[in-house]
Amino acid sequence: MKKSSWLGAMIAGALFFVVGVLWTLVTLVQWPSKQAQWERKSTDLQTLADMEDRLKPLQSAQAAFHALDASSSSTFSGWMRDTFPHIRAEVRPRDRLELTEAWQLERVEVVVDDIDVEELGALMALAEMQRPPWRLVEAHLRASDRMERAVKANMIVERIFPAGTNP
């Protein structure tokens, strides 16, 4: 081999060696900041995974609300008439709030005078079993002056429903 080709190979080898050493030095200098960046990204990824885990039950609840048909989200007074036709109850609208652009909350007050305690228990249990969309939120009971084993009941029930689908 010629001397010039050896010289060219040695220069190329030296150049590659210098580039390798420089690359190693740059990597060593940048290592602490890159390591901190990787740790931040790892923490962010874990935070996102935790958020996704918390979101899954909410998405299944939202799917349950979307799956409701029109009859299941009818008025509470209609449900009372269909389920307990012999009970005289006054159902009064109380609040209607816009929770988000897509969801609304409606509260109604149900007032029943002189209802048997056992029948009230059945009414309250069935009202709570309407979840979703209806759920029993509050109940106040007072003993009746006119009947034995009877109470005056004042209950608050609420429902969440998609905006624009109010029956």
Protein backbone atom coordinates (compact mmCIF):
# COMPACT_ATOMS: atom_id res chain seq x y z
CA MET A 1 0.00 0.00 0.00
CA LYS A 2 1.07 3.47 -0.68
CA LYS A 3 2.11 5.86 1.98
CA SER A 4 -0.58 8.37 0.95
CA SER A 5 -3.39 5.83 1.35
CA TRP A 6 -2.10 4.97 4.84
CA LEU A 7 -1.98 8.63 5.65
CA GLY A 8 -5.54 9.12 4.38
CA ALA A 9 -6.78 6.15 6.40
CA MET A 10 -5.02 7.46 9.55
CA ILE A 11 -6.51 10.94 9.07
CA ALA A 12 -9.97 9.43 8.56
CA GLY A 13 -9.51 7.20 11.61
CA ALA A 14 -8.28 10.13 13.70
CA LEU A 15 -11.19 12.24 12.50
CA PHE A 16 -13.68 9.51 13.46
CA PHE A 17 -11.94 9.15 16.82
CA VAL A 18 -12.16 12.90 17.50
CA VAL A 19 -15.82 12.98 16.43
CA GLY A 20 -16.54 10.02 18.74
CA VAL A 21 -14.78 11.66 21.68
CA LEU A 22 -16.63 14.94 21.05
CA TRP A 23 -19.95 13.09 20.76
CA THR A 24 -19.25 11.30 24.06
CA LEU A 25 -18.37 14.58 25.79
CA VAL A 26 -21.53 16.27 24.48
CA THR A 27 -23.59 13.30 25.69
CA LEU A 28 -21.97 13.39 29.14
CA VAL A 29 -22.59 17.15 29.42
CA GLN A 30 -26.24 16.82 28.34
CA TRP A 31 -26.95 13.69 30.40
CA PRO A 32 -28.24 15.39 33.61
CA SER A 33 -30.70 17.63 31.74
CA LYS A 34 -31.86 14.74 29.52
CA GLN A 35 -32.27 12.49 32.53
CA ALA A 36 -34.39 15.14 34.28
CA GLN A 37 -36.43 15.55 31.10
CA TRP A 38 -37.03 11.78 30.87
CA GLU A 39 -38.07 11.65 34.55
CA ARG A 40 -40.55 14.52 33.97
CA LYS A 41 -41.97 12.75 30.94
CA SER A 42 -42.25 9.52 32.89
CA THR A 43 -44.08 11.35 35.70
CA ASP A 44 -46.37 13.03 33.17
CA LEU A 45 -47.10 9.68 31.55
CA GLN A 46 -47.98 8.17 34.94
CA THR A 47 -50.24 11.16 35.70
CA LEU A 48 -52.01 10.67 32.37
CA ALA A 49 -52.46 6.95 33.08
CA ASP A 50 -53.94 7.77 36.52
CA MET A 51 -56.29 10.31 34.92
CA GLU A 52 -57.38 7.72 32.37
CA ASP A 53 -58.09 5.23 35.18
CA ARG A 54 -60.25 7.82 36.98
CA LEU A 55 -62.03 8.68 33.73
CA LYS A 56 -63.11 5.11 32.85
CA PRO A 57 -65.93 4.86 35.47
CA LEU A 58 -67.14 8.31 34.46
CA GLN A 59 -67.28 7.27 30.83
CA SER A 60 -69.28 4.15 31.71
CA ALA A 61 -71.70 6.28 33.75
CA GLN A 62 -72.06 8.68 30.85
CA ALA A 63 -72.72 5.76 28.52
CA ALA A 64 -75.45 4.54 30.88
CA PHE A 65 -77.10 7.96 30.78
CA HIS A 66 -76.86 8.08 26.98
CA ALA A 67 -78.38 4.59 26.75
CA LEU A 68 -81.56 5.65 28.55
CA ASP A 69 -84.62 5.65 26.37
CA ALA A 70 -87.22 8.42 26.46
CA SER A 71 -89.61 6.49 28.71
CA SER A 72 -87.01 5.95 31.43
CA SER A 73 -86.30 9.66 31.69
CA SER A 74 -89.92 10.73 31.72
CA THR A 75 -91.31 13.06 34.34
CA PHE A 76 -91.31 11.94 37.92
CA SER A 77 -95.01 12.77 38.28
CA GLY A 78 -95.72 10.40 35.35
CA TRP A 79 -93.69 7.69 37.07
CA MET A 80 -95.63 8.28 40.32
CA ARG A 81 -98.99 8.01 38.48
CA ASP A 82 -97.93 4.79 36.72
CA THR A 83 -96.32 3.12 39.74
CA PHE A 84 -98.53 4.32 42.60
CA PRO A 85 -101.87 5.38 41.09
CA HIS A 86 -103.62 5.32 44.48
CA ILE A 87 -101.18 7.72 46.18
CA ARG A 88 -101.98 11.40 45.94
CA ALA A 89 -98.71 13.21 45.62
CA GLU A 90 -97.93 16.75 44.68
CA VAL A 91 -94.87 16.90 42.43
CA ARG A 92 -93.44 20.41 42.10
CA PRO A 93 -90.54 21.50 39.94
CA ARG A 94 -87.77 22.87 42.11
CA ASP A 95 -84.51 23.54 40.26
CA ARG A 96 -83.15 23.13 36.78
CA LEU A 97 -79.44 23.69 36.33
CA GLU A 98 -77.20 23.48 33.30
CA LEU A 99 -74.27 21.33 34.41
CA THR A 100 -72.41 21.52 31.10
CA GLU A 101 -73.40 22.38 27.57
CA ALA A 102 -74.59 18.81 27.10
CA TRP A 103 -76.10 17.91 30.51
CA GLN A 104 -78.79 19.36 32.76
CA LEU A 105 -79.89 18.64 36.33
CA GLU A 106 -83.55 18.76 37.31
CA ARG A 107 -84.84 18.57 40.89
CA VAL A 108 -88.46 18.06 41.86
CA GLU A 109 -90.13 18.12 45.23
CA VAL A 110 -92.60 15.36 46.05
CA VAL A 111 -95.08 16.04 48.86
CA VAL A 112 -97.24 13.18 50.14
CA ASP A 113 -99.68 13.68 53.03
CA ASP A 114 -100.80 10.83 55.25
CA ILE A 115 -99.05 7.88 53.68
CA ASP A 116 -98.61 4.57 55.48
CA VAL A 117 -95.05 4.06 56.68
CA GLU A 118 -94.65 0.73 54.85
CA GLU A 119 -96.02 2.16 51.63
CA LEU A 120 -93.69 5.13 51.96
CA GLY A 121 -90.79 2.71 52.36
CA ALA A 122 -91.79 0.97 49.13
CA LEU A 123 -92.18 4.33 47.36
CA MET A 124 -88.78 5.53 48.53
CA ALA A 125 -87.08 2.25 47.58
CA LEU A 126 -88.63 2.22 44.11
CA ALA A 127 -87.84 5.90 43.63
CA GLU A 128 -84.20 5.24 44.48
CA MET A 129 -84.17 2.24 42.12
CA GLN A 130 -84.99 4.60 39.23
CA ARG A 131 -81.29 5.49 39.19
CA PRO A 132 -80.47 6.49 36.53
CA PRO A 133 -81.98 8.91 35.72
CA TRP A 134 -83.89 9.65 38.95
CA ARG A 135 -82.42 9.39 42.42
CA LEU A 136 -83.73 10.22 45.85
CA VAL A 137 -81.65 13.04 47.31
CA GLU A 138 -83.46 14.15 50.43
CA ALA A 139 -86.46 13.09 52.55
CA HIS A 140 -88.17 14.77 55.50
CA LEU A 141 -90.82 12.86 57.45
CA ARG A 142 -93.30 14.10 60.05
CA ALA A 143 -95.83 12.03 61.97
CA SER A 144 -99.39 12.42 60.71
CA ASP A 145 -101.98 14.04 62.98
CA ARG A 146 -104.88 12.23 61.32
CA MET A 147 -103.76 8.62 60.83
CA GLU A 148 -101.91 6.06 62.89
CA ARG A 149 -98.76 4.58 61.27
CA ALA A 150 -98.83 7.36 58.70
CA VAL A 151 -96.46 10.21 57.93
CA LYS A 152 -96.27 13.36 55.90
CA ALA A 153 -93.35 13.02 53.52
CA ASN A 154 -91.46 15.70 51.68
CA MET A 155 -88.85 14.28 49.28
CA ILE A 156 -86.45 15.75 46.75
CA VAL A 157 -85.57 13.68 43.70
CA GLU A 158 -83.25 14.68 40.90
CA ARG A 159 -82.16 13.49 37.51
CA ILE A 160 -79.37 14.24 35.10
CA PHE A 161 -80.32 14.20 31.44
CA PRO A 162 -78.85 15.24 28.11
CA ALA A 163 -79.70 18.84 27.25
CA GLY A 164 -82.41 19.15 24.64
CA THR A 165 -84.02 15.78 25.46
CA ASN A 166 -86.39 16.91 28.19
CA PRO A 167 -89.73 15.13 27.78
